[in-house]
Amino acid sequence: MASNREYLDFILEQLSGLERISYRAMMGEFILYYRGKIVGGIYDDRFLVKPTKSALERMPDADREIPYEGAREMLLVDNVDNRGFLTELLTSMYDEFPEPKKKK
């Protein structure tokens, strides 16, 4: 099942307090970027993030979900109605991601 654009728009609105939130459509799903780094995505209308140390600290009881067959587990963000929480979550995770690869 692919994600619908309305759910993506809702999540983007919830994250609108952050600078440089972007996305890329990929095979019916959406990869989310924060300041150029991949933080997670929208998969089957679920907001999933990478299981970083800070994400695990903020969501210790989060369900672990597989975004698609063959992928690594990610954390289900079920508190999507709380803008403050989402802002804090992505901000705390940012430094744990590698720098984006330079395009040749």
PDB file of N, CA and C in Angstrom:
ATOM      1  N   MET A   1       0.848  -1.179   0.000  1.00  0.00           N
ATOM      2  CA  MET A   1       0.000   0.000   0.000  1.00  0.00           C
ATOM      3  C   MET A   1       0.893   1.241   0.000  1.00  0.00           C
ATOM      4  N   ALA A   2       0.640   2.149  -0.879  1.00  0.00           N
ATOM      5  CA  ALA A   2       1.411   3.393  -0.941  1.00  0.00           C
ATOM      6  C   ALA A   2       0.836   4.417   0.035  1.00  0.00           C
ATOM      7  N   SER A   3       1.677   5.367   0.395  1.00  0.00           N
ATOM      8  CA  SER A   3       1.241   6.444   1.283  1.00  0.00           C
ATOM      9  C   SER A   3       0.486   7.494   0.486  1.00  0.00           C
ATOM     10  N   ASN A   4      -0.458   8.153   1.146  1.00  0.00           N
ATOM     11  CA  ASN A   4      -1.186   9.199   0.443  1.00  0.00           C
ATOM     12  C   ASN A   4      -0.586  10.567   0.727  1.00  0.00           C
ATOM     13  N   ARG A   5      -0.769  11.448  -0.195  1.00  0.00           N
ATOM     14  CA  ARG A   5      -0.189  12.787  -0.132  1.00  0.00           C
ATOM     15  C   ARG A   5      -0.731  13.583   1.059  1.00  0.00           C
ATOM     16  N   GLU A   6      -1.962  13.328   1.452  1.00  0.00           N
ATOM     17  CA  GLU A   6      -2.557  14.057   2.579  1.00  0.00           C
ATOM     18  C   GLU A   6      -1.801  13.782   3.876  1.00  0.00           C
ATOM     19  N   TYR A   7      -1.392  12.537   4.089  1.00  0.00           N
ATOM     20  CA  TYR A   7      -0.634  12.220   5.303  1.00  0.00           C
ATOM     21  C   TYR A   7       0.730  12.893   5.264  1.00  0.00           C
ATOM     22  N   LEU A   8       1.387  12.866   4.119  1.00  0.00           N
ATOM     23  CA  LEU A   8       2.663  13.575   3.971  1.00  0.00           C
ATOM     24  C   LEU A   8       2.485  15.047   4.295  1.00  0.00           C
ATOM     25  N   ASP A   9       1.465  15.680   3.733  1.00  0.00           N
ATOM     26  CA  ASP A   9       1.219  17.103   3.982  1.00  0.00           C
ATOM     27  C   ASP A   9       0.990  17.380   5.468  1.00  0.00           C
ATOM     28  N   PHE A  10       0.280  16.483   6.150  1.00  0.00           N
ATOM     29  CA  PHE A  10       0.055  16.632   7.589  1.00  0.00           C
ATOM     30  C   PHE A  10       1.386  16.598   8.350  1.00  0.00           C
ATOM     31  N   ILE A  11       2.227  15.617   8.040  1.00  0.00           N
ATOM     32  CA  ILE A  11       3.521  15.513   8.726  1.00  0.00           C
ATOM     33  C   ILE A  11       4.390  16.728   8.416  1.00  0.00           C
ATOM     34  N   LEU A  12       4.415  17.165   7.166  1.00  0.00           N
ATOM     35  CA  LEU A  12       5.203  18.360   6.810  1.00  0.00           C
ATOM     36  C   LEU A  12       4.709  19.589   7.562  1.00  0.00           C
ATOM     37  N   GLU A  13       3.407  19.715   7.736  1.00  0.00           N
ATOM     38  CA  GLU A  13       2.854  20.838   8.506  1.00  0.00           C
ATOM     39  C   GLU A  13       3.290  20.731   9.969  1.00  0.00           C
ATOM     40  N   GLN A  14       3.270  19.523  10.515  1.00  0.00           N
ATOM     41  CA  GLN A  14       3.700  19.335  11.902  1.00  0.00           C
ATOM     42  C   GLN A  14       5.182  19.683  12.076  1.00  0.00           C
ATOM     43  N   LEU A  15       5.978  19.511  11.037  1.00  0.00           N
ATOM     44  CA  LEU A  15       7.414  19.787  11.092  1.00  0.00           C
ATOM     45  C   LEU A  15       7.770  21.176  10.568  1.00  0.00           C
ATOM     46  N   SER A  16       6.774  22.002  10.284  1.00  0.00           N
ATOM     47  CA  SER A  16       7.011  23.302   9.637  1.00  0.00           C
ATOM     48  C   SER A  16       7.831  24.271  10.492  1.00  0.00           C
ATOM     49  N   GLY A  17       7.985  24.006  11.760  1.00  0.00           N
ATOM     50  CA  GLY A  17       8.808  24.852  12.617  1.00  0.00           C
ATOM     51  C   GLY A  17      10.302  24.627  12.439  1.00  0.00           C
ATOM     52  N   LEU A  18      10.660  23.587  11.728  1.00  0.00           N
ATOM     53  CA  LEU A  18      12.066  23.267  11.481  1.00  0.00           C
ATOM     54  C   LEU A  18      12.500  23.839  10.138  1.00  0.00           C
ATOM     55  N   GLU A  19      13.757  24.239  10.064  1.00  0.00           N
ATOM     56  CA  GLU A  19      14.304  24.737   8.813  1.00  0.00           C
ATOM     57  C   GLU A  19      14.681  23.579   7.905  1.00  0.00           C
ATOM     58  N   ARG A  20      14.461  23.771   6.619  1.00  0.00           N
ATOM     59  CA  ARG A  20      14.935  22.861   5.582  1.00  0.00           C
ATOM     60  C   ARG A  20      14.423  21.420   5.732  1.00  0.00           C
ATOM     61  N   ILE A  21      13.136  21.286   5.949  1.00  0.00           N
ATOM     62  CA  ILE A  21      12.494  19.976   5.866  1.00  0.00           C
ATOM     63  C   ILE A  21      12.127  19.768   4.401  1.00  0.00           C
ATOM     64  N   SER A  22      12.488  18.635   3.859  1.00  0.00           N
ATOM     65  CA  SER A  22      12.153  18.338   2.475  1.00  0.00           C
ATOM     66  C   SER A  22      11.839  16.853   2.356  1.00  0.00           C
ATOM     67  N   TYR A  23      11.390  16.472   1.183  1.00  0.00           N
ATOM     68  CA  TYR A  23      11.060  15.072   0.951  1.00  0.00           C
ATOM     69  C   TYR A  23      11.334  14.717  -0.501  1.00  0.00           C
ATOM     70  N   ARG A  24      11.375  13.427  -0.741  1.00  0.00           N
ATOM     71  CA  ARG A  24      11.498  12.920  -2.098  1.00  0.00           C
ATOM     72  C   ARG A  24      10.576  11.709  -2.215  1.00  0.00           C
ATOM     73  N   ALA A  25       9.758  11.709  -3.244  1.00  0.00           N
ATOM     74  CA  ALA A  25       8.877  10.570  -3.500  1.00  0.00           C
ATOM     75  C   ALA A  25       9.707   9.423  -4.039  1.00  0.00           C
ATOM     76  N   MET A  26       9.402   8.211  -3.536  1.00  0.00           N
ATOM     77  CA  MET A  26      10.131   7.042  -4.000  1.00  0.00           C
ATOM     78  C   MET A  26       9.209   5.825  -3.927  1.00  0.00           C
ATOM     79  N   MET A  27       8.828   5.313  -5.071  1.00  0.00           N
ATOM     80  CA  MET A  27       8.010   4.100  -5.182  1.00  0.00           C
ATOM     81  C   MET A  27       6.739   4.167  -4.331  1.00  0.00           C
ATOM     82  N   GLY A  28       6.042   5.273  -4.373  1.00  0.00           N
ATOM     83  CA  GLY A  28       4.788   5.412  -3.647  1.00  0.00           C
ATOM     84  C   GLY A  28       4.940   5.807  -2.196  1.00  0.00           C
ATOM     85  N   GLU A  29       6.155   5.988  -1.742  1.00  0.00           N
ATOM     86  CA  GLU A  29       6.426   6.394  -0.367  1.00  0.00           C
ATOM     87  C   GLU A  29       7.205   7.709  -0.400  1.00  0.00           C
ATOM     88  N   PHE A  30       7.565   8.248   0.765  1.00  0.00           N
ATOM     89  CA  PHE A  30       8.248   9.534   0.834  1.00  0.00           C
ATOM     90  C   PHE A  30       9.417   9.474   1.806  1.00  0.00           C
ATOM     91  N   ILE A  31      10.604   9.822   1.339  1.00  0.00           N
ATOM     92  CA  ILE A  31      11.795   9.908   2.174  1.00  0.00           C
ATOM     93  C   ILE A  31      11.842  11.328   2.732  1.00  0.00           C
ATOM     94  N   LEU A  32      12.035  11.484   4.044  1.00  0.00           N
ATOM     95  CA  LEU A  32      12.085  12.809   4.670  1.00  0.00           C
ATOM     96  C   LEU A  32      13.517  13.201   4.996  1.00  0.00           C
ATOM     97  N   TYR A  33      13.831  14.455   4.717  1.00  0.00           N
ATOM     98  CA  TYR A  33      15.156  15.019   4.961  1.00  0.00           C
ATOM     99  C   TYR A  33      15.024  16.191   5.917  1.00  0.00           C
ATOM    100  N   TYR A  34      15.995  16.305   6.799  1.00  0.00           N
ATOM    101  CA  TYR A  34      16.106  17.469   7.671  1.00  0.00           C
ATOM    102  C   TYR A  34      17.500  18.037   7.460  1.00  0.00           C
ATOM    103  N   ARG A  35      17.549  19.272   6.960  1.00  0.00           N
ATOM    104  CA  ARG A  35      18.805  19.953   6.666  1.00  0.00           C
ATOM    105  C   ARG A  35      19.735  19.075   5.823  1.00  0.00           C
ATOM    106  N   GLY A  36      19.145  18.397   4.838  1.00  0.00           N
ATOM    107  CA  GLY A  36      19.910  17.606   3.888  1.00  0.00           C
ATOM    108  C   GLY A  36      20.204  16.180   4.301  1.00  0.00           C
ATOM    109  N   LYS A  37      19.845  15.795   5.508  1.00  0.00           N
ATOM    110  CA  LYS A  37      20.122  14.439   5.989  1.00  0.00           C
ATOM    111  C   LYS A  37      18.825  13.639   6.066  1.00  0.00           C
ATOM    112  N   ILE A  38      18.881  12.377   5.656  1.00  0.00           N
ATOM    113  CA  ILE A  38      17.706  11.507   5.735  1.00  0.00           C
ATOM    114  C   ILE A  38      17.444  11.165   7.199  1.00  0.00           C
ATOM    115  N   VAL A  39      16.220  11.468   7.649  1.00  0.00           N
ATOM    116  CA  VAL A  39      15.851  11.168   9.030  1.00  0.00           C
ATOM    117  C   VAL A  39      14.846  10.026   9.126  1.00  0.00           C
ATOM    118  N   GLY A  40      14.138   9.781   8.050  1.00  0.00           N
ATOM    119  CA  GLY A  40      13.118   8.740   8.058  1.00  0.00           C
ATOM    120  C   GLY A  40      12.238   8.884   6.844  1.00  0.00           C
ATOM    121  N   GLY A  41      10.974   8.545   7.023  1.00  0.00           N
ATOM    122  CA  GLY A  41      10.071   8.660   5.899  1.00  0.00           C
ATOM    123  C   GLY A  41       8.646   8.307   6.253  1.00  0.00           C
ATOM    124  N   ILE A  42       7.814   8.439   5.235  1.00  0.00           N
ATOM    125  CA  ILE A  42       6.410   8.059   5.334  1.00  0.00           C
ATOM    126  C   ILE A  42       6.264   6.779   4.530  1.00  0.00           C
ATOM    127  N   TYR A  43       5.879   5.708   5.215  1.00  0.00           N
ATOM    128  CA  TYR A  43       5.727   4.394   4.605  1.00  0.00           C
ATOM    129  C   TYR A  43       4.362   3.842   4.996  1.00  0.00           C
ATOM    130  N   ASP A  44       3.530   3.548   4.025  1.00  0.00           N
ATOM    131  CA  ASP A  44       2.179   3.045   4.296  1.00  0.00           C
ATOM    132  C   ASP A  44       1.456   3.932   5.312  1.00  0.00           C
ATOM    133  N   ASP A  45       1.571   5.240   5.115  1.00  0.00           N
ATOM    134  CA  ASP A  45       0.949   6.237   6.004  1.00  0.00           C
ATOM    135  C   ASP A  45       1.371   6.066   7.460  1.00  0.00           C
ATOM    136  N   ARG A  46       2.645   5.749   7.652  1.00  0.00           N
ATOM    137  CA  ARG A  46       3.258   5.694   8.986  1.00  0.00           C
ATOM    138  C   ARG A  46       4.506   6.558   8.925  1.00  0.00           C
ATOM    139  N   PHE A  47       4.724   7.369   9.963  1.00  0.00           N
ATOM    140  CA  PHE A  47       5.930   8.175  10.067  1.00  0.00           C
ATOM    141  C   PHE A  47       6.954   7.343  10.817  1.00  0.00           C
ATOM    142  N   LEU A  48       8.009   6.929  10.104  1.00  0.00           N
ATOM    143  CA  LEU A  48       9.068   6.108  10.683  1.00  0.00           C
ATOM    144  C   LEU A  48      10.372   6.884  10.662  1.00  0.00           C
ATOM    145  N   VAL A  49      11.156   6.748  11.740  1.00  0.00           N
ATOM    146  CA  VAL A  49      12.466   7.392  11.807  1.00  0.00           C
ATOM    147  C   VAL A  49      13.528   6.340  12.089  1.00  0.00           C
ATOM    148  N   LYS A  50      14.759   6.707  11.773  1.00  0.00           N
ATOM    149  CA  LYS A  50      15.877   5.815  12.036  1.00  0.00           C
ATOM    150  C   LYS A  50      16.048   5.625  13.542  1.00  0.00           C
ATOM    151  N   PRO A  51      16.438   4.437  13.972  1.00  0.00           N
ATOM    152  CA  PRO A  51      16.557   4.157  15.411  1.00  0.00           C
ATOM    153  C   PRO A  51      17.885   4.651  15.994  1.00  0.00           C
ATOM    154  N   THR A  52      18.043   5.959  16.068  1.00  0.00           N
ATOM    155  CA  THR A  52      19.259   6.528  16.643  1.00  0.00           C
ATOM    156  C   THR A  52      19.173   6.484  18.162  1.00  0.00           C
ATOM    157  N   LYS A  53      20.292   6.734  18.801  1.00  0.00           N
ATOM    158  CA  LYS A  53      20.338   6.744  20.263  1.00  0.00           C
ATOM    159  C   LYS A  53      19.346   7.752  20.838  1.00  0.00           C
ATOM    160  N   SER A  54      19.330   8.961  20.298  1.00  0.00           N
ATOM    161  CA  SER A  54      18.437   9.979  20.845  1.00  0.00           C
ATOM    162  C   SER A  54      16.967   9.656  20.559  1.00  0.00           C
ATOM    163  N   ALA A  55      16.673   9.048  19.413  1.00  0.00           N
ATOM    164  CA  ALA A  55      15.291   8.658  19.123  1.00  0.00           C
ATOM    165  C   ALA A  55      14.836   7.574  20.101  1.00  0.00           C
ATOM    166  N   LEU A  56      15.720   6.631  20.383  1.00  0.00           N
ATOM    167  CA  LEU A  56      15.388   5.571  21.339  1.00  0.00           C
ATOM    168  C   LEU A  56      15.200   6.126  22.750  1.00  0.00           C
ATOM    169  N   GLU A  57      15.986   7.142  23.115  1.00  0.00           N
ATOM    170  CA  GLU A  57      15.828   7.771  24.429  1.00  0.00           C
ATOM    171  C   GLU A  57      14.482   8.481  24.545  1.00  0.00           C
ATOM    172  N   ARG A  58      14.033   9.119  23.468  1.00  0.00           N
ATOM    173  CA  ARG A  58      12.777   9.872  23.493  1.00  0.00           C
ATOM    174  C   ARG A  58      11.554   8.986  23.277  1.00  0.00           C
ATOM    175  N   MET A  59      11.771   7.823  22.655  1.00  0.00           N
ATOM    176  CA  MET A  59      10.655   6.907  22.383  1.00  0.00           C
ATOM    177  C   MET A  59      11.059   5.486  22.762  1.00  0.00           C
ATOM    178  N   PRO A  60      11.318   5.231  24.053  1.00  0.00           N
ATOM    179  CA  PRO A  60      11.821   3.908  24.450  1.00  0.00           C
ATOM    180  C   PRO A  60      10.839   2.768  24.176  1.00  0.00           C
ATOM    181  N   ASP A  61       9.556   3.073  24.118  1.00  0.00           N
ATOM    182  CA  ASP A  61       8.554   2.029  23.908  1.00  0.00           C
ATOM    183  C   ASP A  61       8.016   2.011  22.476  1.00  0.00           C
ATOM    184  N   ALA A  62       8.687   2.719  21.573  1.00  0.00           N
ATOM    185  CA  ALA A  62       8.207   2.795  20.190  1.00  0.00           C
ATOM    186  C   ALA A  62       8.225   1.430  19.525  1.00  0.00           C
ATOM    187  N   ASP A  63       7.210   1.190  18.729  1.00  0.00           N
ATOM    188  CA  ASP A  63       7.169  -0.038  17.941  1.00  0.00           C
ATOM    189  C   ASP A  63       8.250   0.031  16.876  1.00  0.00           C
ATOM    190  N   ARG A  64       8.872  -1.102  16.629  1.00  0.00           N
ATOM    191  CA  ARG A  64       9.856  -1.207  15.541  1.00  0.00           C
ATOM    192  C   ARG A  64       9.122  -1.779  14.341  1.00  0.00           C
ATOM    193  N   GLU A  65       9.255  -1.077  13.241  1.00  0.00           N
ATOM    194  CA  GLU A  65       8.519  -1.451  12.027  1.00  0.00           C
ATOM    195  C   GLU A  65       9.491  -1.585  10.861  1.00  0.00           C
ATOM    196  N   ILE A  66       9.136  -2.416   9.922  1.00  0.00           N
ATOM    197  CA  ILE A  66       9.892  -2.566   8.684  1.00  0.00           C
ATOM    198  C   ILE A  66       9.172  -1.700   7.639  1.00  0.00           C
ATOM    199  N   PRO A  67       9.854  -0.700   7.061  1.00  0.00           N
ATOM    200  CA  PRO A  67       9.170   0.167   6.101  1.00  0.00           C
ATOM    201  C   PRO A  67       8.777  -0.539   4.810  1.00  0.00           C
ATOM    202  N   TYR A  68       9.597  -1.490   4.373  1.00  0.00           N
ATOM    203  CA  TYR A  68       9.320  -2.276   3.169  1.00  0.00           C
ATOM    204  C   TYR A  68      10.174  -3.531   3.249  1.00  0.00           C
ATOM    205  N   GLU A  69       9.817  -4.519   2.480  1.00  0.00           N
ATOM    206  CA  GLU A  69      10.520  -5.804   2.529  1.00  0.00           C
ATOM    207  C   GLU A  69      12.005  -5.630   2.244  1.00  0.00           C
ATOM    208  N   GLY A  70      12.818  -6.193   3.130  1.00  0.00           N
ATOM    209  CA  GLY A  70      14.263  -6.134   2.966  1.00  0.00           C
ATOM    210  C   GLY A  70      14.929  -4.938   3.631  1.00  0.00           C
ATOM    211  N   ALA A  71      14.148  -4.037   4.202  1.00  0.00           N
ATOM    212  CA  ALA A  71      14.706  -2.841   4.844  1.00  0.00           C
ATOM    213  C   ALA A  71      15.018  -3.111   6.317  1.00  0.00           C
ATOM    214  N   ARG A  72      15.823  -2.238   6.877  1.00  0.00           N
ATOM    215  CA  ARG A  72      16.124  -2.310   8.309  1.00  0.00           C
ATOM    216  C   ARG A  72      14.945  -1.765   9.112  1.00  0.00           C
ATOM    217  N   GLU A  73      14.873  -2.209  10.352  1.00  0.00           N
ATOM    218  CA  GLU A  73      13.813  -1.720  11.238  1.00  0.00           C
ATOM    219  C   GLU A  73      13.961  -0.228  11.487  1.00  0.00           C
ATOM    220  N   MET A  74      12.817   0.418  11.625  1.00  0.00           N
ATOM    221  CA  MET A  74      12.770   1.832  11.987  1.00  0.00           C
ATOM    222  C   MET A  74      11.798   1.968  13.151  1.00  0.00           C
ATOM    223  N   LEU A  75      11.757   3.152  13.736  1.00  0.00           N
ATOM    224  CA  LEU A  75      10.864   3.406  14.860  1.00  0.00           C
ATOM    225  C   LEU A  75       9.602   4.110  14.389  1.00  0.00           C
ATOM    226  N   LEU A  76       8.459   3.612  14.840  1.00  0.00           N
ATOM    227  CA  LEU A  76       7.185   4.230  14.522  1.00  0.00           C
ATOM    228  C   LEU A  76       6.966   5.428  15.444  1.00  0.00           C
ATOM    229  N   VAL A  77       6.750   6.576  14.849  1.00  0.00           N
ATOM    230  CA  VAL A  77       6.448   7.779  15.626  1.00  0.00           C
ATOM    231  C   VAL A  77       4.928   7.852  15.730  1.00  0.00           C
ATOM    232  N   ASP A  78       4.411   7.580  16.914  1.00  0.00           N
ATOM    233  CA  ASP A  78       2.953   7.595  17.073  1.00  0.00           C
ATOM    234  C   ASP A  78       2.444   8.876  17.724  1.00  0.00           C
ATOM    235  N   ASN A  79       3.340   9.764  18.090  1.00  0.00           N
ATOM    236  CA  ASN A  79       2.961  11.024  18.728  1.00  0.00           C
ATOM    237  C   ASN A  79       3.018  12.168  17.704  1.00  0.00           C
ATOM    238  N   VAL A  80       2.437  11.940  16.525  1.00  0.00           N
ATOM    239  CA  VAL A  80       2.563  12.905  15.432  1.00  0.00           C
ATOM    240  C   VAL A  80       1.722  14.165  15.635  1.00  0.00           C
ATOM    241  N   ASP A  81       0.821  14.161  16.592  1.00  0.00           N
ATOM    242  CA  ASP A  81       0.004  15.352  16.849  1.00  0.00           C
ATOM    243  C   ASP A  81       0.730  16.388  17.693  1.00  0.00           C
ATOM    244  N   ASN A  82       1.864  16.031  18.268  1.00  0.00           N
ATOM    245  CA  ASN A  82       2.610  16.920  19.155  1.00  0.00           C
ATOM    246  C   ASN A  82       3.780  17.553  18.399  1.00  0.00           C
ATOM    247  N   ARG A  83       3.580  18.781  17.913  1.00  0.00           N
ATOM    248  CA  ARG A  83       4.620  19.475  17.136  1.00  0.00           C
ATOM    249  C   ARG A  83       5.910  19.665  17.926  1.00  0.00           C
ATOM    250  N   GLY A  84       5.784  20.017  19.183  1.00  0.00           N
ATOM    251  CA  GLY A  84       6.966  20.224  20.018  1.00  0.00           C
ATOM    252  C   GLY A  84       7.801  18.958  20.133  1.00  0.00           C
ATOM    253  N   PHE A  85       7.134  17.846  20.334  1.00  0.00           N
ATOM    254  CA  PHE A  85       7.838  16.567  20.422  1.00  0.00           C
ATOM    255  C   PHE A  85       8.552  16.253  19.116  1.00  0.00           C
ATOM    256  N   LEU A  86       7.876  16.432  17.984  1.00  0.00           N
ATOM    257  CA  LEU A  86       8.478  16.138  16.685  1.00  0.00           C
ATOM    258  C   LEU A  86       9.687  17.027  16.415  1.00  0.00           C
ATOM    259  N   THR A  87       9.569  18.301  16.763  1.00  0.00           N
ATOM    260  CA  THR A  87      10.692  19.225  16.582  1.00  0.00           C
ATOM    261  C   THR A  87      11.883  18.792  17.428  1.00  0.00           C
ATOM    262  N   GLU A  88      11.621  18.477  18.682  1.00  0.00           N
ATOM    263  CA  GLU A  88      12.686  18.023  19.589  1.00  0.00           C
ATOM    264  C   GLU A  88      13.305  16.719  19.097  1.00  0.00           C
ATOM    265  N   LEU A  89      12.473  15.812  18.630  1.00  0.00           N
ATOM    266  CA  LEU A  89      12.953  14.514  18.150  1.00  0.00           C
ATOM    267  C   LEU A  89      13.926  14.685  16.986  1.00  0.00           C
ATOM    268  N   LEU A  90      13.523  15.390  15.945  1.00  0.00           N
ATOM    269  CA  LEU A  90      14.390  15.539  14.775  1.00  0.00           C
ATOM    270  C   LEU A  90      15.622  16.374  15.082  1.00  0.00           C
ATOM    271  N   THR A  91      15.480  17.400  15.892  1.00  0.00           N
ATOM    272  CA  THR A  91      16.627  18.229  16.273  1.00  0.00           C
ATOM    273  C   THR A  91      17.659  17.398  17.029  1.00  0.00           C
ATOM    274  N   SER A  92      17.196  16.553  17.941  1.00  0.00           N
ATOM    275  CA  SER A  92      18.117  15.728  18.730  1.00  0.00           C
ATOM    276  C   SER A  92      18.804  14.670  17.873  1.00  0.00           C
ATOM    277  N   MET A  93      18.133  14.200  16.840  1.00  0.00           N
ATOM    278  CA  MET A  93      18.678  13.148  15.992  1.00  0.00           C
ATOM    279  C   MET A  93      19.700  13.673  14.981  1.00  0.00           C
ATOM    280  N   TYR A  94      19.639  14.928  14.648  1.00  0.00           N
ATOM    281  CA  TYR A  94      20.389  15.485  13.520  1.00  0.00           C
ATOM    282  C   TYR A  94      21.885  15.155  13.558  1.00  0.00           C
ATOM    283  N   ASP A  95      22.544  15.378  14.670  1.00  0.00           N
ATOM    284  CA  ASP A  95      23.995  15.174  14.745  1.00  0.00           C
ATOM    285  C   ASP A  95      24.403  13.705  14.653  1.00  0.00           C
ATOM    286  N   GLU A  96      23.470  12.806  14.814  1.00  0.00           N
ATOM    287  CA  GLU A  96      23.787  11.379  14.750  1.00  0.00           C
ATOM    288  C   GLU A  96      23.828  10.837  13.321  1.00  0.00           C
ATOM    289  N   PHE A  97      23.386  11.631  12.367  1.00  0.00           N
ATOM    290  CA  PHE A  97      23.377  11.197  10.970  1.00  0.00           C
ATOM    291  C   PHE A  97      24.642  11.628  10.268  1.00  0.00           C
ATOM    292  N   PRO A  98      25.106  10.815   9.326  1.00  0.00           N
ATOM    293  CA  PRO A  98      26.295  11.208   8.555  1.00  0.00           C
ATOM    294  C   PRO A  98      25.974  12.391   7.644  1.00  0.00           C
ATOM    295  N   GLU A  99      27.006  13.115   7.282  1.00  0.00           N
ATOM    296  CA  GLU A  99      26.832  14.219   6.343  1.00  0.00           C
ATOM    297  C   GLU A  99      26.400  13.653   5.000  1.00  0.00           C
ATOM    298  N   PRO A 100      25.565  14.393   4.274  1.00  0.00           N
ATOM    299  CA  PRO A 100      25.167  13.912   2.942  1.00  0.00           C
ATOM    300  C   PRO A 100      26.368  13.782   2.031  1.00  0.00           C
ATOM    301  N   LYS A 101      26.324  12.793   1.159  1.00  0.00           N
ATOM    302  CA  LYS A 101      27.421  12.604   0.210  1.00  0.00           C
ATOM    303  C   LYS A 101      27.387  13.720  -0.812  1.00  0.00           C
ATOM    304  N   LYS A 102      28.566  14.198  -1.159  1.00  0.00           N
ATOM    305  CA  LYS A 102      28.688  15.256  -2.160  1.00  0.00           C
ATOM    306  C   LYS A 102      28.405  14.663  -3.534  1.00  0.00           C
ATOM    307  N   LYS A 103      27.624  15.377  -4.326  1.00  0.00           N
ATOM    308  CA  LYS A 103      27.359  14.939  -5.688  1.00  0.00           C
ATOM    309  C   LYS A 103      28.546  15.255  -6.566  1.00  0.00           C
ATOM    310  N   LYS A 104      28.849  14.334  -7.452  1.00  0.00           N
ATOM    311  CA  LYS A 104      29.997  14.516  -8.334  1.00  0.00           C
ATOM    312  C   LYS A 104      29.646  15.399  -9.507  1.00  0.00           C
TER     313      LYS A 104
END
